[in-house]
Each structure stands twice: as structure tokens, then as C-alpha cells.
PDB file of N, CA and C in Angstrom:
ATOM      1  N   UNK A   1     -25.278   0.976  -7.816  1.00  0.00           N
ATOM      2  CA  UNK A   1     -24.581  -0.019  -7.013  1.00  0.00           C
ATOM      3  C   UNK A   1     -23.635   0.703  -6.055  1.00  0.00           C
ATOM      4  N   UNK A   2     -23.751   0.463  -4.761  1.00  0.00           N
ATOM      5  CA  UNK A   2     -22.878   1.153  -3.796  1.00  0.00           C
ATOM      6  C   UNK A   2     -21.433   0.672  -3.903  1.00  0.00           C
ATOM      7  N   UNK A   3     -20.530   1.591  -3.623  1.00  0.00           N
ATOM      8  CA  UNK A   3     -19.106   1.273  -3.652  1.00  0.00           C
ATOM      9  C   UNK A   3     -18.763   0.364  -2.478  1.00  0.00           C
ATOM     10  N   UNK A   4     -17.891  -0.600  -2.723  1.00  0.00           N
ATOM     11  CA  UNK A   4     -17.494  -1.544  -1.678  1.00  0.00           C
ATOM     12  C   UNK A   4     -16.694  -0.827  -0.599  1.00  0.00           C
ATOM     13  N   UNK A   5     -16.991  -1.122   0.667  1.00  0.00           N
ATOM     14  CA  UNK A   5     -16.264  -0.525   1.783  1.00  0.00           C
ATOM     15  C   UNK A   5     -15.132  -1.446   2.199  1.00  0.00           C
ATOM     16  N   UNK A   6     -13.986  -0.855   2.513  1.00  0.00           N
ATOM     17  CA  UNK A   6     -12.874  -1.621   3.043  1.00  0.00           C
ATOM     18  C   UNK A   6     -13.062  -1.794   4.541  1.00  0.00           C
ATOM     19  N   UNK A   7     -12.731  -2.972   5.026  1.00  0.00           N
ATOM     20  CA  UNK A   7     -12.875  -3.269   6.448  1.00  0.00           C
ATOM     21  C   UNK A   7     -11.496  -3.324   7.101  1.00  0.00           C
ATOM     22  N   UNK A   8     -11.445  -3.050   8.388  1.00  0.00           N
ATOM     23  CA  UNK A   8     -10.196  -3.053   9.144  1.00  0.00           C
ATOM     24  C   UNK A   8      -9.674  -4.485   9.254  1.00  0.00           C
ATOM     25  N   UNK A   9      -8.474  -4.718   8.747  1.00  0.00           N
ATOM     26  CA  UNK A   9      -7.903  -6.059   8.782  1.00  0.00           C
ATOM     27  C   UNK A   9      -7.428  -6.445  10.177  1.00  0.00           C
ATOM     28  N   UNK A  10      -7.013  -5.476  10.967  1.00  0.00           N
ATOM     29  CA  UNK A  10      -6.589  -5.790  12.333  1.00  0.00           C
ATOM     30  C   UNK A  10      -7.775  -6.274  13.157  1.00  0.00           C
ATOM     31  N   UNK A  11      -8.916  -5.620  13.001  1.00  0.00           N
ATOM     32  CA  UNK A  11     -10.123  -6.071  13.705  1.00  0.00           C
ATOM     33  C   UNK A  11     -10.562  -7.433  13.172  1.00  0.00           C
ATOM     34  N   UNK A  12     -10.452  -7.639  11.868  1.00  0.00           N
ATOM     35  CA  UNK A  12     -10.833  -8.925  11.277  1.00  0.00           C
ATOM     36  C   UNK A  12      -9.970 -10.056  11.830  1.00  0.00           C
ATOM     37  N   UNK A  13      -8.700  -9.766  12.096  1.00  0.00           N
ATOM     38  CA  UNK A  13      -7.821 -10.781  12.698  1.00  0.00           C
ATOM     39  C   UNK A  13      -8.342 -11.231  14.057  1.00  0.00           C
ATOM     40  N   UNK A  14      -9.111 -10.377  14.706  1.00  0.00           N
ATOM     41  CA  UNK A  14      -9.608 -10.669  16.053  1.00  0.00           C
ATOM     42  C   UNK A  14     -11.109 -10.945  16.070  1.00  0.00           C
ATOM     43  N   UNK A  15     -11.677 -11.258  14.910  1.00  0.00           N
ATOM     44  CA  UNK A  15     -13.064 -11.703  14.849  1.00  0.00           C
ATOM     45  C   UNK A  15     -14.118 -10.636  14.637  1.00  0.00           C
ATOM     46  N   UNK A  16     -13.725  -9.384  14.438  1.00  0.00           N
ATOM     47  CA  UNK A  16     -14.696  -8.315  14.180  1.00  0.00           C
ATOM     48  C   UNK A  16     -14.639  -8.013  12.682  1.00  0.00           C
ATOM     49  N   UNK A  17     -15.600  -8.560  11.918  1.00  0.00           N
ATOM     50  CA  UNK A  17     -15.530  -8.497  10.458  1.00  0.00           C
ATOM     51  C   UNK A  17     -16.331  -7.361   9.835  1.00  0.00           C
ATOM     52  N   UNK A  18     -17.047  -6.585  10.618  1.00  0.00           N
ATOM     53  CA  UNK A  18     -17.895  -5.536  10.051  1.00  0.00           C
ATOM     54  C   UNK A  18     -17.439  -4.129  10.427  1.00  0.00           C
ATOM     55  N   UNK A  19     -16.173  -3.947  10.757  1.00  0.00           N
ATOM     56  CA  UNK A  19     -15.656  -2.635  11.160  1.00  0.00           C
ATOM     57  C   UNK A  19     -15.099  -1.905   9.937  1.00  0.00           C
ATOM     58  N   UNK A  20     -15.787  -0.849   9.455  1.00  0.00           N
ATOM     59  CA  UNK A  20     -15.263  -0.098   8.310  1.00  0.00           C
ATOM     60  C   UNK A  20     -13.906   0.528   8.633  1.00  0.00           C
ATOM     61  N   UNK A  21     -13.038   0.587   7.631  1.00  0.00           N
ATOM     62  CA  UNK A  21     -11.682   1.096   7.819  1.00  0.00           C
ATOM     63  C   UNK A  21     -11.651   2.629   7.889  1.00  0.00           C
ATOM     64  N   UNK A  22     -12.518   3.276   7.138  1.00  0.00           N
ATOM     65  CA  UNK A  22     -12.503   4.734   7.045  1.00  0.00           C
ATOM     66  C   UNK A  22     -12.791   5.380   8.398  1.00  0.00           C
ATOM     67  N   UNK A  23     -11.892   6.257   8.849  1.00  0.00           N
ATOM     68  CA  UNK A  23     -12.050   6.980  10.100  1.00  0.00           C
ATOM     69  C   UNK A  23     -11.834   6.139  11.339  1.00  0.00           C
ATOM     70  N   UNK A  24     -11.230   4.980  11.184  1.00  0.00           N
ATOM     71  CA  UNK A  24     -11.115   4.020  12.284  1.00  0.00           C
ATOM     72  C   UNK A  24      -9.688   3.903  12.821  1.00  0.00           C
ATOM     73  N   UNK A  25      -8.723   4.456  12.119  1.00  0.00           N
ATOM     74  CA  UNK A  25      -7.313   4.235  12.439  1.00  0.00           C
ATOM     75  C   UNK A  25      -6.950   4.607  13.876  1.00  0.00           C
ATOM     76  N   UNK A  26      -7.344   5.774  14.337  1.00  0.00           N
ATOM     77  CA  UNK A  26      -6.941   6.236  15.665  1.00  0.00           C
ATOM     78  C   UNK A  26      -7.690   5.558  16.801  1.00  0.00           C
ATOM     79  N   UNK A  27      -8.873   5.027  16.529  1.00  0.00           N
ATOM     80  CA  UNK A  27      -9.646   4.401  17.599  1.00  0.00           C
ATOM     81  C   UNK A  27      -9.691   2.878  17.510  1.00  0.00           C
ATOM     82  N   UNK A  28      -8.899   2.279  16.634  1.00  0.00           N
ATOM     83  CA  UNK A  28      -8.865   0.819  16.505  1.00  0.00           C
ATOM     84  C   UNK A  28      -8.283   0.219  17.787  1.00  0.00           C
ATOM     85  N   UNK A  29      -9.012  -0.688  18.435  1.00  0.00           N
ATOM     86  CA  UNK A  29      -8.506  -1.276  19.677  1.00  0.00           C
ATOM     87  C   UNK A  29      -7.330  -2.228  19.452  1.00  0.00           C
ATOM     88  N   UNK A  30      -7.068  -2.588  18.202  1.00  0.00           N
ATOM     89  CA  UNK A  30      -5.998  -3.543  17.899  1.00  0.00           C
ATOM     90  C   UNK A  30      -4.830  -2.900  17.154  1.00  0.00           C
ATOM     91  N   UNK A  31      -4.760  -1.569  17.135  1.00  0.00           N
ATOM     92  CA  UNK A  31      -3.724  -0.909  16.333  1.00  0.00           C
ATOM     93  C   UNK A  31      -2.310  -1.170  16.846  1.00  0.00           C
ATOM     94  N   UNK A  32      -2.135  -1.496  18.119  1.00  0.00           N
ATOM     95  CA  UNK A  32      -0.808  -1.785  18.666  1.00  0.00           C
ATOM     96  C   UNK A  32      -0.615  -3.269  18.967  1.00  0.00           C
ATOM     97  N   UNK A  33      -1.489  -4.109  18.437  1.00  0.00           N
ATOM     98  CA  UNK A  33      -1.414  -5.547  18.695  1.00  0.00           C
ATOM     99  C   UNK A  33      -0.183  -6.138  18.007  1.00  0.00           C
ATOM    100  N   UNK A  34       0.468  -7.084  18.673  1.00  0.00           N
ATOM    101  CA  UNK A  34       1.660  -7.722  18.106  1.00  0.00           C
ATOM    102  C   UNK A  34       1.471  -9.225  17.940  1.00  0.00           C
ATOM    103  N   UNK A  35       0.214  -9.686  17.857  1.00  0.00           N
ATOM    104  CA  UNK A  35      -0.008 -11.116  17.631  1.00  0.00           C
ATOM    105  C   UNK A  35       0.516 -11.482  16.238  1.00  0.00           C
ATOM    106  N   UNK A  36       0.639 -12.760  15.946  1.00  0.00           N
ATOM    107  CA  UNK A  36       1.254 -13.196  14.692  1.00  0.00           C
ATOM    108  C   UNK A  36       0.480 -12.706  13.470  1.00  0.00           C
ATOM    109  N   UNK A  37      -0.844 -12.713  13.508  1.00  0.00           N
ATOM    110  CA  UNK A  37      -1.628 -12.258  12.359  1.00  0.00           C
ATOM    111  C   UNK A  37      -1.480 -10.758  12.134  1.00  0.00           C
ATOM    112  N   UNK A  38      -1.509  -9.993  13.199  1.00  0.00           N
ATOM    113  CA  UNK A  38      -1.353  -8.541  13.069  1.00  0.00           C
ATOM    114  C   UNK A  38       0.075  -8.183  12.651  1.00  0.00           C
ATOM    115  N   UNK A  39       1.056  -8.923  13.145  1.00  0.00           N
ATOM    116  CA  UNK A  39       2.447  -8.684  12.749  1.00  0.00           C
ATOM    117  C   UNK A  39       2.623  -8.967  11.258  1.00  0.00           C
ATOM    118  N   UNK A  40       1.988 -10.026  10.769  1.00  0.00           N
ATOM    119  CA  UNK A  40       2.051 -10.352   9.351  1.00  0.00           C
ATOM    120  C   UNK A  40       1.419  -9.234   8.518  1.00  0.00           C
ATOM    121  N   UNK A  41       0.307  -8.719   8.983  1.00  0.00           N
ATOM    122  CA  UNK A  41      -0.370  -7.620   8.303  1.00  0.00           C
ATOM    123  C   UNK A  41       0.511  -6.370   8.278  1.00  0.00           C
ATOM    124  N   UNK A  42       1.180  -6.077   9.379  1.00  0.00           N
ATOM    125  CA  UNK A  42       2.071  -4.914   9.465  1.00  0.00           C
ATOM    126  C   UNK A  42       3.253  -5.065   8.506  1.00  0.00           C
ATOM    127  N   UNK A  43       3.825  -6.268   8.435  1.00  0.00           N
ATOM    128  CA  UNK A  43       4.942  -6.516   7.510  1.00  0.00           C
ATOM    129  C   UNK A  43       4.491  -6.370   6.063  1.00  0.00           C
ATOM    130  N   UNK A  44       3.293  -6.860   5.754  1.00  0.00           N
ATOM    131  CA  UNK A  44       2.767  -6.750   4.397  1.00  0.00           C
ATOM    132  C   UNK A  44       2.583  -5.286   4.012  1.00  0.00           C
ATOM    133  N   UNK A  45       2.080  -4.482   4.940  1.00  0.00           N
ATOM    134  CA  UNK A  45       1.904  -3.053   4.674  1.00  0.00           C
ATOM    135  C   UNK A  45       3.244  -2.374   4.412  1.00  0.00           C
ATOM    136  N   UNK A  46       4.261  -2.741   5.188  1.00  0.00           N
ATOM    137  CA  UNK A  46       5.591  -2.149   5.008  1.00  0.00           C
ATOM    138  C   UNK A  46       6.162  -2.532   3.641  1.00  0.00           C
ATOM    139  N   UNK A  47       5.994  -3.789   3.245  1.00  0.00           N
ATOM    140  CA  UNK A  47       6.483  -4.227   1.935  1.00  0.00           C
ATOM    141  C   UNK A  47       5.733  -3.527   0.806  1.00  0.00           C
ATOM    142  N   UNK A  48       4.432  -3.362   0.955  1.00  0.00           N
ATOM    143  CA  UNK A  48       3.642  -2.650  -0.052  1.00  0.00           C
ATOM    144  C   UNK A  48       4.112  -1.205  -0.185  1.00  0.00           C
ATOM    145  N   UNK A  49       4.439  -0.576   0.939  1.00  0.00           N
ATOM    146  CA  UNK A  49       4.916   0.806   0.916  1.00  0.00           C
ATOM    147  C   UNK A  49       6.254   0.897   0.177  1.00  0.00           C
ATOM    148  N   UNK A  50       7.163  -0.030   0.450  1.00  0.00           N
ATOM    149  CA  UNK A  50       8.461  -0.044  -0.234  1.00  0.00           C
ATOM    150  C   UNK A  50       8.265  -0.271  -1.728  1.00  0.00           C
ATOM    151  N   UNK A  51       7.368  -1.181  -2.080  1.00  0.00           N
ATOM    152  CA  UNK A  51       7.094  -1.464  -3.483  1.00  0.00           C
ATOM    153  C   UNK A  51       6.548  -0.227  -4.199  1.00  0.00           C
ATOM    154  N   UNK A  52       5.643   0.509  -3.555  1.00  0.00           N
ATOM    155  CA  UNK A  52       5.106   1.742  -4.140  1.00  0.00           C
ATOM    156  C   UNK A  52       6.206   2.784  -4.322  1.00  0.00           C
ATOM    157  N   UNK A  53       7.097   2.907  -3.333  1.00  0.00           N
ATOM    158  CA  UNK A  53       8.185   3.881  -3.422  1.00  0.00           C
ATOM    159  C   UNK A  53       9.125   3.541  -4.574  1.00  0.00           C
ATOM    160  N   UNK A  54       9.449   2.260  -4.738  1.00  0.00           N
ATOM    161  CA  UNK A  54      10.318   1.845  -5.840  1.00  0.00           C
ATOM    162  C   UNK A  54       9.653   2.094  -7.190  1.00  0.00           C
ATOM    163  N   UNK A  55       8.366   1.806  -7.275  1.00  0.00           N
ATOM    164  CA  UNK A  55       7.637   2.029  -8.518  1.00  0.00           C
ATOM    165  C   UNK A  55       7.603   3.516  -8.853  1.00  0.00           C
ATOM    166  N   UNK A  56       7.343   4.355  -7.855  1.00  0.00           N
ATOM    167  CA  UNK A  56       7.318   5.801  -8.083  1.00  0.00           C
ATOM    168  C   UNK A  56       8.694   6.319  -8.477  1.00  0.00           C
ATOM    169  N   UNK A  57       9.746   5.791  -7.862  1.00  0.00           N
ATOM    170  CA  UNK A  57      11.104   6.219  -8.195  1.00  0.00           C
ATOM    171  C   UNK A  57      11.451   5.825  -9.627  1.00  0.00           C
ATOM    172  N   UNK A  58      11.064   4.630 -10.053  1.00  0.00           N
ATOM    173  CA  UNK A  58      11.366   4.201 -11.419  1.00  0.00           C
ATOM    174  C   UNK A  58      10.561   5.013 -12.424  1.00  0.00           C
ATOM    175  N   UNK A  59       9.340   5.403 -12.079  1.00  0.00           N
ATOM    176  CA  UNK A  59       8.543   6.255 -12.969  1.00  0.00           C
ATOM    177  C   UNK A  59       9.176   7.629 -13.105  1.00  0.00           C
ATOM    178  N   UNK A  60       9.740   8.167 -12.031  1.00  0.00           N
ATOM    179  CA  UNK A  60      10.402   9.469 -12.092  1.00  0.00           C
ATOM    180  C   UNK A  60      11.638   9.408 -12.971  1.00  0.00           C
ATOM    181  N   UNK A  61      12.375   8.315 -12.910  1.00  0.00           N
ATOM    182  CA  UNK A  61      13.570   8.159 -13.742  1.00  0.00           C
ATOM    183  C   UNK A  61      13.173   8.105 -15.205  1.00  0.00           C
ATOM    184  N   UNK A  62      12.110   7.398 -15.535  1.00  0.00           N
ATOM    185  CA  UNK A  62      11.655   7.305 -16.919  1.00  0.00           C
ATOM    186  C   UNK A  62      11.206   8.661 -17.434  1.00  0.00           C
ATOM    187  N   UNK A  63      10.595   9.456 -16.592  1.00  0.00           N
ATOM    188  CA  UNK A  63      10.117  10.775 -17.002  1.00  0.00           C
ATOM    189  C   UNK A  63      11.290  11.732 -17.188  1.00  0.00           C
ATOM    190  N   UNK A  64      12.289  11.688 -16.313  1.00  0.00           N
ATOM    191  CA  UNK A  64      13.409  12.616 -16.358  1.00  0.00           C
ATOM    192  C   UNK A  64      14.392  12.308 -17.483  1.00  0.00           C
ATOM    193  N   UNK A  65      14.499  11.049 -17.882  1.00  0.00           N
ATOM    194  CA  UNK A  65      15.490  10.658 -18.873  1.00  0.00           C
ATOM    195  C   UNK A  65      14.981  10.981 -20.279  1.00  0.00           C
ATOM    196  N   UNK A  66      15.729  11.762 -21.066  1.00  0.00           N
ATOM    197  CA  UNK A  66      15.295  12.048 -22.434  1.00  0.00           C
ATOM    198  C   UNK A  66      15.460  10.806 -23.307  1.00  0.00           C
ATOM    199  N   UNK A  67      14.566  10.639 -24.250  1.00  0.00           N
ATOM    200  CA  UNK A  67      14.652   9.493 -25.156  1.00  0.00           C
ATOM    201  C   UNK A  67      15.341   9.937 -26.429  1.00  0.00           C
ATOM    202  N   UNK A  68      16.104   9.045 -27.020  1.00  0.00           N
ATOM    203  CA  UNK A  68      16.805   9.370 -28.259  1.00  0.00           C
ATOM    204  C   UNK A  68      15.965   8.907 -29.441  1.00  0.00           C
ATOM    205  N   UNK A  69      16.062   9.634 -30.542  1.00  0.00           N
ATOM    206  CA  UNK A  69      15.343   9.265 -31.761  1.00  0.00           C
ATOM    207  C   UNK A  69      16.284   8.494 -32.662  1.00  0.00           C
ATOM    208  N   UNK A  70      15.753   7.865 -33.680  1.00  0.00           N
ATOM    209  CA  UNK A  70      16.582   7.103 -34.613  1.00  0.00           C
ATOM    210  C   UNK A  70      17.581   8.002 -35.323  1.00  0.00           C
ATOM    211  N   UNK A  71      17.229   9.232 -35.613  1.00  0.00           N
ATOM    212  CA  UNK A  71      18.133  10.162 -36.286  1.00  0.00           C
ATOM    213  C   UNK A  71      19.345  10.456 -35.407  1.00  0.00           C
ATOM    214  N   UNK A  72      19.156  10.586 -34.109  1.00  0.00           N
ATOM    215  CA  UNK A  72      20.268  10.857 -33.201  1.00  0.00           C
ATOM    216  C   UNK A  72      21.174   9.644 -33.065  1.00  0.00           C
ATOM    217  N   UNK A  73      20.615   8.453 -33.110  1.00  0.00           N
ATOM    218  CA  UNK A  73      21.399   7.233 -32.951  1.00  0.00           C
ATOM    219  C   UNK A  73      22.267   6.990 -34.173  1.00  0.00           C
ATOM    220  N   UNK A  74      21.769   7.294 -35.373  1.00  0.00           N
ATOM    221  CA  UNK A  74      22.501   7.036 -36.612  1.00  0.00           C
ATOM    222  C   UNK A  74      23.612   8.038 -36.861  1.00  0.00           C
ATOM    223  N   UNK A  75      23.660   9.137 -36.164  1.00  0.00           N
ATOM    224  CA  UNK A  75      24.692  10.150 -36.407  1.00  0.00           C
ATOM    225  C   UNK A  75      25.997   9.784 -35.804  1.00  0.00           C
TER     226      UNK A  75
END
């Protein structure tokens, strides 16, 4: 079974539904579009990036913080 290909959402906003995303970023004709659908997509990407950064930061804190054992707590 072939792996599913991701399609360019900016092109999809403008009616082109069969444009593969891979290798398309620099030549996308809609990469600088500021229409409402593309702006919404850009905001969603920014929020996803912030969410990933927060998740990675919280994972680093969990890894760096030593855990205490029951023996240490009872002393």
C-alpha cells in the first residue's frame, strides 16, 4: 500500500487539489497570498509551531529534573 502524500494547503485554498507538498515550498504560486483562507492556514501553522516548542520544552524539563524515591522522601 503506497504511503499517503500530503498536498499543499495553500494551493488547495485556491482550487488546486492535486499539488504534492514535497519539494513545492519555494515554487508555490500562493506562498505569499494573504487571502482569508491562506491567512488562517498561516496562523494555524504558527500556533502548531508554538505548541511543539512548548511540548519540547516541557519534555526537556521532565528529563533534566531528578525524581525522588520513597526512601528519600521518608528521611
